[in-house]
C-alpha cells in the first residue's frame, strides 16, 4: 500500500510544481492581485497557448492520478483479496 501512496504523491507533487511554474509565468499579472489563478493573457502567442494547455493538463493529470493511486488501486486490491478469500 505504501508504494501506491508514494506513486500518487510523487505524481501529485511533480505535476503541481510544474502547474505552479506555468501559472506563475502566465496567470500572475501582478503581485497585488490574483496569483496563479488570475486570467490568462488576452492575446497569447503559440508558446503561451501551449504552456497554458500543458499546465492545465498537468493539474488534472496530477489530481486524477493521485485519486487513482490512493483510492481505485487499493479498492481493486481489496476486492481481489476478498474474491480470492471467498472462493477458497
PDB file of N, CA and C in Angstrom:
ATOM      1  N   UNK A   1       0.812  -1.204   0.000  1.00  0.00           N
ATOM      2  CA  UNK A   1       0.000   0.000   0.000  1.00  0.00           C
ATOM      3  C   UNK A   1       0.849   1.259   0.000  1.00  0.00           C
ATOM      4  N   UNK A   2       2.013   1.181   0.604  1.00  0.00           N
ATOM      5  CA  UNK A   2       2.863   2.365   0.675  1.00  0.00           C
ATOM      6  C   UNK A   2       3.394   2.747  -0.698  1.00  0.00           C
ATOM      7  N   UNK A   3       3.608   1.757  -1.578  1.00  0.00           N
ATOM      8  CA  UNK A   3       4.120   2.098  -2.893  1.00  0.00           C
ATOM      9  C   UNK A   3       3.073   2.827  -3.725  1.00  0.00           C
ATOM     10  N   UNK A   4       1.789   2.446  -3.601  1.00  0.00           N
ATOM     11  CA  UNK A   4       0.746   3.188  -4.313  1.00  0.00           C
ATOM     12  C   UNK A   4       0.634   4.615  -3.785  1.00  0.00           C
ATOM     13  N   UNK A   5       0.760   4.770  -2.475  1.00  0.00           N
ATOM     14  CA  UNK A   5       0.687   6.116  -1.904  1.00  0.00           C
ATOM     15  C   UNK A   5       1.817   6.986  -2.433  1.00  0.00           C
ATOM     16  N   UNK A   6       3.032   6.433  -2.464  1.00  0.00           N
ATOM     17  CA  UNK A   6       4.180   7.226  -2.913  1.00  0.00           C
ATOM     18  C   UNK A   6       4.119   7.517  -4.407  1.00  0.00           C
ATOM     19  N   UNK A   7       3.588   6.601  -5.196  1.00  0.00           N
ATOM     20  CA  UNK A   7       3.421   6.871  -6.623  1.00  0.00           C
ATOM     21  C   UNK A   7       2.447   8.029  -6.827  1.00  0.00           C
ATOM     22  N   UNK A   8       1.319   7.977  -6.166  1.00  0.00           N
ATOM     23  CA  UNK A   8       0.345   9.061  -6.283  1.00  0.00           C
ATOM     24  C   UNK A   8       0.882  10.370  -5.753  1.00  0.00           C
ATOM     25  N   UNK A   9       1.583  10.310  -4.642  1.00  0.00           N
ATOM     26  CA  UNK A   9       2.146  11.523  -4.044  1.00  0.00           C
ATOM     27  C   UNK A   9       3.227  12.127  -4.939  1.00  0.00           C
ATOM     28  N   UNK A  10       4.073  11.292  -5.511  1.00  0.00           N
ATOM     29  CA  UNK A  10       5.117  11.783  -6.403  1.00  0.00           C
ATOM     30  C   UNK A  10       4.553  12.438  -7.650  1.00  0.00           C
ATOM     31  N   UNK A  11       3.546  11.811  -8.233  1.00  0.00           N
ATOM     32  CA  UNK A  11       2.908  12.400  -9.409  1.00  0.00           C
ATOM     33  C   UNK A  11       2.227  13.704  -9.043  1.00  0.00           C
ATOM     34  N   UNK A  12       1.516  13.739  -7.912  1.00  0.00           N
ATOM     35  CA  UNK A  12       0.824  14.956  -7.493  1.00  0.00           C
ATOM     36  C   UNK A  12       1.796  16.101  -7.238  1.00  0.00           C
ATOM     37  N   UNK A  13       2.891  15.824  -6.546  1.00  0.00           N
ATOM     38  CA  UNK A  13       3.860  16.875  -6.237  1.00  0.00           C
ATOM     39  C   UNK A  13       4.527  17.391  -7.512  1.00  0.00           C
ATOM     40  N   UNK A  14       4.932  16.489  -8.385  1.00  0.00           N
ATOM     41  CA  UNK A  14       5.620  16.894  -9.611  1.00  0.00           C
ATOM     42  C   UNK A  14       4.708  17.706 -10.521  1.00  0.00           C
ATOM     43  N   UNK A  15       3.499  17.230 -10.747  1.00  0.00           N
ATOM     44  CA  UNK A  15       2.594  17.959 -11.624  1.00  0.00           C
ATOM     45  C   UNK A  15       2.144  19.276 -11.002  1.00  0.00           C
ATOM     46  N   UNK A  16       1.985  19.308  -9.688  1.00  0.00           N
ATOM     47  CA  UNK A  16       1.609  20.566  -9.035  1.00  0.00           C
ATOM     48  C   UNK A  16       2.717  21.604  -9.152  1.00  0.00           C
ATOM     49  N   UNK A  17       3.952  21.169  -9.008  1.00  0.00           N
ATOM     50  CA  UNK A  17       5.074  22.087  -9.160  1.00  0.00           C
ATOM     51  C   UNK A  17       5.133  22.639 -10.579  1.00  0.00           C
ATOM     52  N   UNK A  18       4.982  21.778 -11.559  1.00  0.00           N
ATOM     53  CA  UNK A  18       5.015  22.249 -12.950  1.00  0.00           C
ATOM     54  C   UNK A  18       3.815  23.149 -13.262  1.00  0.00           C
ATOM     55  N   UNK A  19       2.643  22.841 -12.685  1.00  0.00           N
ATOM     56  CA  UNK A  19       1.488  23.711 -12.875  1.00  0.00           C
ATOM     57  C   UNK A  19       1.739  25.087 -12.254  1.00  0.00           C
ATOM     58  N   UNK A  20       2.345  25.117 -11.064  1.00  0.00           N
ATOM     59  CA  UNK A  20       2.631  26.403 -10.424  1.00  0.00           C
ATOM     60  C   UNK A  20       3.616  27.223 -11.237  1.00  0.00           C
ATOM     61  N   UNK A  21       4.575  26.582 -11.875  1.00  0.00           N
ATOM     62  CA  UNK A  21       5.532  27.307 -12.718  1.00  0.00           C
ATOM     63  C   UNK A  21       4.812  27.933 -13.908  1.00  0.00           C
ATOM     64  N   UNK A  22       3.999  27.160 -14.609  1.00  0.00           N
ATOM     65  CA  UNK A  22       3.303  27.722 -15.773  1.00  0.00           C
ATOM     66  C   UNK A  22       2.272  28.766 -15.351  1.00  0.00           C
ATOM     67  N   UNK A  23       1.578  28.538 -14.255  1.00  0.00           N
ATOM     68  CA  UNK A  23       0.609  29.523 -13.784  1.00  0.00           C
ATOM     69  C   UNK A  23       1.317  30.789 -13.306  1.00  0.00           C
ATOM     70  N   UNK A  24       2.465  30.654 -12.695  1.00  0.00           N
ATOM     71  CA  UNK A  24       3.222  31.825 -12.258  1.00  0.00           C
ATOM     72  C   UNK A  24       3.719  32.656 -13.421  1.00  0.00           C
ATOM     73  N   UNK A  25       4.091  32.009 -14.510  1.00  0.00           N
ATOM     74  CA  UNK A  25       4.572  32.738 -15.674  1.00  0.00           C
ATOM     75  C   UNK A  25       3.440  33.430 -16.420  1.00  0.00           C
ATOM     76  N   UNK A  26       2.305  32.750 -16.570  1.00  0.00           N
ATOM     77  CA  UNK A  26       1.271  33.252 -17.473  1.00  0.00           C
ATOM     78  C   UNK A  26      -0.003  33.726 -16.789  1.00  0.00           C
ATOM     79  N   UNK A  27      -0.254  33.373 -15.559  1.00  0.00           N
ATOM     80  CA  UNK A  27      -1.519  33.739 -14.918  1.00  0.00           C
ATOM     81  C   UNK A  27      -1.322  34.623 -13.689  1.00  0.00           C
ATOM     82  N   UNK A  28      -0.157  35.235 -13.550  1.00  0.00           N
ATOM     83  CA  UNK A  28       0.079  36.161 -12.451  1.00  0.00           C
ATOM     84  C   UNK A  28       0.371  37.533 -13.042  1.00  0.00           C
ATOM     85  N   UNK A  29      -0.670  38.369 -13.217  1.00  0.00           N
ATOM     86  CA  UNK A  29      -0.436  39.668 -13.832  1.00  0.00           C
ATOM     87  C   UNK A  29       0.325  40.636 -12.927  1.00  0.00           C
ATOM     88  N   UNK A  30       0.086  40.562 -11.632  1.00  0.00           N
ATOM     89  CA  UNK A  30       0.799  41.440 -10.703  1.00  0.00           C
ATOM     90  C   UNK A  30       0.842  40.750  -9.345  1.00  0.00           C
ATOM     91  N   UNK A  31       1.689  41.257  -8.476  1.00  0.00           N
ATOM     92  CA  UNK A  31       1.797  40.654  -7.155  1.00  0.00           C
ATOM     93  C   UNK A  31       0.731  41.172  -6.197  1.00  0.00           C
ATOM     94  N   UNK A  32       0.023  42.218  -6.564  1.00  0.00           N
ATOM     95  CA  UNK A  32      -1.029  42.750  -5.709  1.00  0.00           C
ATOM     96  C   UNK A  32      -2.372  42.068  -5.951  1.00  0.00           C
ATOM     97  N   UNK A  33      -2.579  41.522  -7.132  1.00  0.00           N
ATOM     98  CA  UNK A  33      -3.867  40.931  -7.481  1.00  0.00           C
ATOM     99  C   UNK A  33      -3.851  39.418  -7.362  1.00  0.00           C
ATOM    100  N   UNK A  34      -4.627  38.798  -8.232  1.00  0.00           N
ATOM    101  CA  UNK A  34      -4.709  37.336  -8.246  1.00  0.00           C
ATOM    102  C   UNK A  34      -3.365  36.736  -8.640  1.00  0.00           C
ATOM    103  N   UNK A  35      -2.992  35.697  -7.935  1.00  0.00           N
ATOM    104  CA  UNK A  35      -1.763  34.990  -8.262  1.00  0.00           C
ATOM    105  C   UNK A  35      -2.091  33.528  -8.517  1.00  0.00           C
ATOM    106  N   UNK A  36      -1.540  32.999  -9.569  1.00  0.00           N
ATOM    107  CA  UNK A  36      -1.688  31.621 -10.022  1.00  0.00           C
ATOM    108  C   UNK A  36      -3.081  31.297 -10.551  1.00  0.00           C
ATOM    109  N   UNK A  37      -4.081  32.022 -10.146  1.00  0.00           N
ATOM    110  CA  UNK A  37      -5.432  31.776 -10.631  1.00  0.00           C
ATOM    111  C   UNK A  37      -6.009  32.980 -11.357  1.00  0.00           C
ATOM    112  N   UNK A  38      -5.142  33.891 -11.763  1.00  0.00           N
ATOM    113  CA  UNK A  38      -5.588  35.063 -12.496  1.00  0.00           C
ATOM    114  C   UNK A  38      -6.012  34.693 -13.908  1.00  0.00           C
ATOM    115  N   UNK A  39      -6.512  35.658 -14.632  1.00  0.00           N
ATOM    116  CA  UNK A  39      -6.936  35.366 -16.008  1.00  0.00           C
ATOM    117  C   UNK A  39      -5.730  35.111 -16.903  1.00  0.00           C
ATOM    118  N   UNK A  40      -5.958  34.310 -17.917  1.00  0.00           N
ATOM    119  CA  UNK A  40      -4.903  34.042 -18.901  1.00  0.00           C
ATOM    120  C   UNK A  40      -4.679  35.298 -19.748  1.00  0.00           C
ATOM    121  N   UNK A  41      -3.536  35.441 -20.378  1.00  0.00           N
ATOM    122  CA  UNK A  41      -3.307  36.597 -21.229  1.00  0.00           C
ATOM    123  C   UNK A  41      -4.335  36.666 -22.358  1.00  0.00           C
ATOM    124  N   UNK A  42      -4.690  37.890 -22.738  1.00  0.00           N
ATOM    125  CA  UNK A  42      -5.736  38.063 -23.749  1.00  0.00           C
ATOM    126  C   UNK A  42      -5.273  37.683 -25.151  1.00  0.00           C
ATOM    127  N   UNK A  43      -4.056  38.003 -25.501  1.00  0.00           N
ATOM    128  CA  UNK A  43      -3.519  37.688 -26.827  1.00  0.00           C
ATOM    129  C   UNK A  43      -2.254  36.838 -26.694  1.00  0.00           C
ATOM    130  N   UNK A  44      -2.375  35.583 -26.261  1.00  0.00           N
ATOM    131  CA  UNK A  44      -1.165  34.773 -26.077  1.00  0.00           C
ATOM    132  C   UNK A  44      -0.608  34.298 -27.421  1.00  0.00           C
ATOM    133  N   UNK A  45       0.712  34.212 -27.498  1.00  0.00           N
ATOM    134  CA  UNK A  45       1.312  33.644 -28.700  1.00  0.00           C
ATOM    135  C   UNK A  45       1.214  32.120 -28.619  1.00  0.00           C
ATOM    136  N   UNK A  46       1.770  31.439 -29.614  1.00  0.00           N
ATOM    137  CA  UNK A  46       1.615  29.992 -29.688  1.00  0.00           C
ATOM    138  C   UNK A  46       2.285  29.295 -28.511  1.00  0.00           C
ATOM    139  N   UNK A  47       3.427  29.813 -28.048  1.00  0.00           N
ATOM    140  CA  UNK A  47       4.113  29.188 -26.916  1.00  0.00           C
ATOM    141  C   UNK A  47       3.343  29.380 -25.606  1.00  0.00           C
ATOM    142  N   UNK A  48       2.742  30.542 -25.450  1.00  0.00           N
ATOM    143  CA  UNK A  48       1.929  30.771 -24.253  1.00  0.00           C
ATOM    144  C   UNK A  48       0.691  29.887 -24.261  1.00  0.00           C
ATOM    145  N   UNK A  49       0.061  29.731 -25.418  1.00  0.00           N
ATOM    146  CA  UNK A  49      -1.099  28.856 -25.516  1.00  0.00           C
ATOM    147  C   UNK A  49      -0.725  27.414 -25.195  1.00  0.00           C
ATOM    148  N   UNK A  50       0.403  26.976 -25.737  1.00  0.00           N
ATOM    149  CA  UNK A  50       0.865  25.622 -25.480  1.00  0.00           C
ATOM    150  C   UNK A  50       1.185  25.425 -23.995  1.00  0.00           C
ATOM    151  N   UNK A  51       1.817  26.402 -23.387  1.00  0.00           N
ATOM    152  CA  UNK A  51       2.141  26.308 -21.960  1.00  0.00           C
ATOM    153  C   UNK A  51       0.890  26.288 -21.096  1.00  0.00           C
ATOM    154  N   UNK A  52      -0.099  27.082 -21.443  1.00  0.00           N
ATOM    155  CA  UNK A  52      -1.343  27.089 -20.672  1.00  0.00           C
ATOM    156  C   UNK A  52      -2.078  25.753 -20.785  1.00  0.00           C
ATOM    157  N   UNK A  53      -2.095  25.182 -21.968  1.00  0.00           N
ATOM    158  CA  UNK A  53      -2.746  23.882 -22.149  1.00  0.00           C
ATOM    159  C   UNK A  53      -1.995  22.800 -21.382  1.00  0.00           C
ATOM    160  N   UNK A  54      -0.669  22.815 -21.477  1.00  0.00           N
ATOM    161  CA  UNK A  54       0.131  21.828 -20.748  1.00  0.00           C
ATOM    162  C   UNK A  54      -0.045  21.993 -19.241  1.00  0.00           C
ATOM    163  N   UNK A  55      -0.076  23.234 -18.761  1.00  0.00           N
ATOM    164  CA  UNK A  55      -0.267  23.478 -17.331  1.00  0.00           C
ATOM    165  C   UNK A  55      -1.595  22.950 -16.827  1.00  0.00           C
ATOM    166  N   UNK A  56      -2.663  23.215 -17.578  1.00  0.00           N
ATOM    167  CA  UNK A  56      -3.976  22.709 -17.168  1.00  0.00           C
ATOM    168  C   UNK A  56      -4.033  21.186 -17.239  1.00  0.00           C
ATOM    169  N   UNK A  57      -3.419  20.608 -18.264  1.00  0.00           N
ATOM    170  CA  UNK A  57      -3.392  19.147 -18.381  1.00  0.00           C
ATOM    171  C   UNK A  57      -2.608  18.530 -17.226  1.00  0.00           C
ATOM    172  N   UNK A  58      -1.504  19.160 -16.840  1.00  0.00           N
ATOM    173  CA  UNK A  58      -0.726  18.647 -15.709  1.00  0.00           C
ATOM    174  C   UNK A  58      -1.521  18.698 -14.416  1.00  0.00           C
ATOM    175  N   UNK A  59      -2.260  19.773 -14.210  1.00  0.00           N
ATOM    176  CA  UNK A  59      -3.069  19.887 -12.999  1.00  0.00           C
ATOM    177  C   UNK A  59      -4.087  18.753 -12.912  1.00  0.00           C
ATOM    178  N   UNK A  60      -4.833  18.534 -13.980  1.00  0.00           N
ATOM    179  CA  UNK A  60      -5.857  17.500 -13.960  1.00  0.00           C
ATOM    180  C   UNK A  60      -5.249  16.102 -13.927  1.00  0.00           C
ATOM    181  N   UNK A  61      -4.129  15.896 -14.635  1.00  0.00           N
ATOM    182  CA  UNK A  61      -3.461  14.601 -14.587  1.00  0.00           C
ATOM    183  C   UNK A  61      -3.000  14.289 -13.168  1.00  0.00           C
ATOM    184  N   UNK A  62      -2.440  15.268 -12.488  1.00  0.00           N
ATOM    185  CA  UNK A  62      -1.971  15.047 -11.121  1.00  0.00           C
ATOM    186  C   UNK A  62      -3.097  14.714 -10.166  1.00  0.00           C
ATOM    187  N   UNK A  63      -4.192  15.441 -10.268  1.00  0.00           N
ATOM    188  CA  UNK A  63      -5.326  15.179  -9.376  1.00  0.00           C
ATOM    189  C   UNK A  63      -5.949  13.812  -9.632  1.00  0.00           C
ATOM    190  N   UNK A  64      -6.149  13.483 -10.902  1.00  0.00           N
ATOM    191  CA  UNK A  64      -6.775  12.201 -11.229  1.00  0.00           C
ATOM    192  C   UNK A  64      -5.842  11.041 -10.897  1.00  0.00           C
ATOM    193  N   UNK A  65      -4.555  11.189 -11.188  1.00  0.00           N
ATOM    194  CA  UNK A  65      -3.599  10.113 -10.898  1.00  0.00           C
ATOM    195  C   UNK A  65      -3.497   9.867  -9.397  1.00  0.00           C
ATOM    196  N   UNK A  66      -3.489  10.925  -8.606  1.00  0.00           N
ATOM    197  CA  UNK A  66      -3.421  10.744  -7.159  1.00  0.00           C
ATOM    198  C   UNK A  66      -4.663  10.008  -6.651  1.00  0.00           C
ATOM    199  N   UNK A  67      -5.826  10.383  -7.142  1.00  0.00           N
ATOM    200  CA  UNK A  67      -7.041   9.683  -6.729  1.00  0.00           C
ATOM    201  C   UNK A  67      -7.040   8.227  -7.162  1.00  0.00           C
ATOM    202  N   UNK A  68      -6.517   7.960  -8.357  1.00  0.00           N
ATOM    203  CA  UNK A  68      -6.455   6.576  -8.828  1.00  0.00           C
ATOM    204  C   UNK A  68      -5.532   5.754  -7.938  1.00  0.00           C
ATOM    205  N   UNK A  69      -4.336   6.274  -7.646  1.00  0.00           N
ATOM    206  CA  UNK A  69      -3.389   5.511  -6.840  1.00  0.00           C
ATOM    207  C   UNK A  69      -3.807   5.425  -5.381  1.00  0.00           C
ATOM    208  N   UNK A  70      -4.553   6.403  -4.879  1.00  0.00           N
ATOM    209  CA  UNK A  70      -4.930   6.400  -3.466  1.00  0.00           C
ATOM    210  C   UNK A  70      -6.264   5.731  -3.204  1.00  0.00           C
ATOM    211  N   UNK A  71      -7.146   5.693  -4.195  1.00  0.00           N
ATOM    212  CA  UNK A  71      -8.489   5.150  -3.958  1.00  0.00           C
ATOM    213  C   UNK A  71      -8.773   3.929  -4.824  1.00  0.00           C
ATOM    214  N   UNK A  72      -8.602   4.050  -6.126  1.00  0.00           N
ATOM    215  CA  UNK A  72      -9.034   2.992  -7.040  1.00  0.00           C
ATOM    216  C   UNK A  72      -8.153   1.752  -6.927  1.00  0.00           C
ATOM    217  N   UNK A  73      -6.828   1.915  -6.971  1.00  0.00           N
ATOM    218  CA  UNK A  73      -5.933   0.750  -6.898  1.00  0.00           C
ATOM    219  C   UNK A  73      -6.092  -0.002  -5.573  1.00  0.00           C
ATOM    220  N   UNK A  74      -6.126   0.672  -4.410  1.00  0.00           N
ATOM    221  CA  UNK A  74      -6.374  -0.091  -3.173  1.00  0.00           C
ATOM    222  C   UNK A  74      -7.740  -0.787  -3.144  1.00  0.00           C
ATOM    223  N   UNK A  75      -8.768  -0.160  -3.735  1.00  0.00           N
ATOM    224  CA  UNK A  75     -10.074  -0.819  -3.788  1.00  0.00           C
ATOM    225  C   UNK A  75     -10.023  -2.074  -4.641  1.00  0.00           C
ATOM    226  N   UNK A  76      -9.309  -2.015  -5.764  1.00  0.00           N
ATOM    227  CA  UNK A  76      -9.177  -3.197  -6.620  1.00  0.00           C
ATOM    228  C   UNK A  76      -8.419  -4.295  -5.890  1.00  0.00           C
ATOM    229  N   UNK A  77      -7.345  -3.932  -5.201  1.00  0.00           N
ATOM    230  CA  UNK A  77      -6.583  -4.934  -4.445  1.00  0.00           C
ATOM    231  C   UNK A  77      -7.420  -5.570  -3.338  1.00  0.00           C
ATOM    232  N   UNK A  78      -8.187  -4.762  -2.633  1.00  0.00           N
ATOM    233  CA  UNK A  78      -9.052  -5.296  -1.577  1.00  0.00           C
ATOM    234  C   UNK A  78     -10.138  -6.202  -2.158  1.00  0.00           C
ATOM    235  N   UNK A  79     -10.691  -5.809  -3.297  1.00  0.00           N
ATOM    236  CA  UNK A  79     -11.717  -6.632  -3.931  1.00  0.00           C
ATOM    237  C   UNK A  79     -11.140  -7.964  -4.386  1.00  0.00           C
ATOM    238  N   UNK A  80      -9.928  -7.941  -4.949  1.00  0.00           N
ATOM    239  CA  UNK A  80      -9.298  -9.196  -5.378  1.00  0.00           C
ATOM    240  C   UNK A  80      -8.988 -10.095  -4.174  1.00  0.00           C
ATOM    241  N   UNK A  81      -8.523  -9.518  -3.095  1.00  0.00           N
ATOM    242  CA  UNK A  81      -8.262 -10.312  -1.890  1.00  0.00           C
ATOM    243  C   UNK A  81      -9.557 -10.895  -1.337  1.00  0.00           C
ATOM    244  N   UNK A  82     -10.630 -10.114  -1.332  1.00  0.00           N
ATOM    245  CA  UNK A  82     -11.935 -10.596  -0.877  1.00  0.00           C
ATOM    246  C   UNK A  82     -12.438 -11.724  -1.763  1.00  0.00           C
ATOM    247  N   UNK A  83     -12.293 -11.567  -3.083  1.00  0.00           N
ATOM    248  CA  UNK A  83     -12.746 -12.585  -4.021  1.00  0.00           C
ATOM    249  C   UNK A  83     -11.938 -13.876  -3.858  1.00  0.00           C
ATOM    250  N   UNK A  84     -10.626 -13.755  -3.691  1.00  0.00           N
ATOM    251  CA  UNK A  84      -9.795 -14.938  -3.500  1.00  0.00           C
ATOM    252  C   UNK A  84     -10.123 -15.645  -2.178  1.00  0.00           C
ATOM    253  N   UNK A  85     -10.364 -14.869  -1.142  1.00  0.00           N
ATOM    254  CA  UNK A  85     -10.706 -15.445   0.171  1.00  0.00           C
ATOM    255  C   UNK A  85     -12.061 -16.150   0.105  1.00  0.00           C
ATOM    256  N   UNK A  86     -12.998 -15.563  -0.578  1.00  0.00           N
ATOM    257  CA  UNK A  86     -14.328 -16.141  -0.668  1.00  0.00           C
ATOM    258  C   UNK A  86     -14.359 -17.404  -1.537  1.00  0.00           C
ATOM    259  N   UNK A  87     -13.517 -17.457  -2.575  1.00  0.00           N
ATOM    260  CA  UNK A  87     -13.520 -18.608  -3.464  1.00  0.00           C
ATOM    261  C   UNK A  87     -12.834 -19.824  -2.841  1.00  0.00           C
ATOM    262  N   UNK A  88     -11.986 -19.593  -1.862  1.00  0.00           N
ATOM    263  CA  UNK A  88     -11.294 -20.750  -1.265  1.00  0.00           C
ATOM    264  C   UNK A  88     -11.975 -21.269  -0.029  1.00  0.00           C
TER     265      UNK A  88
END
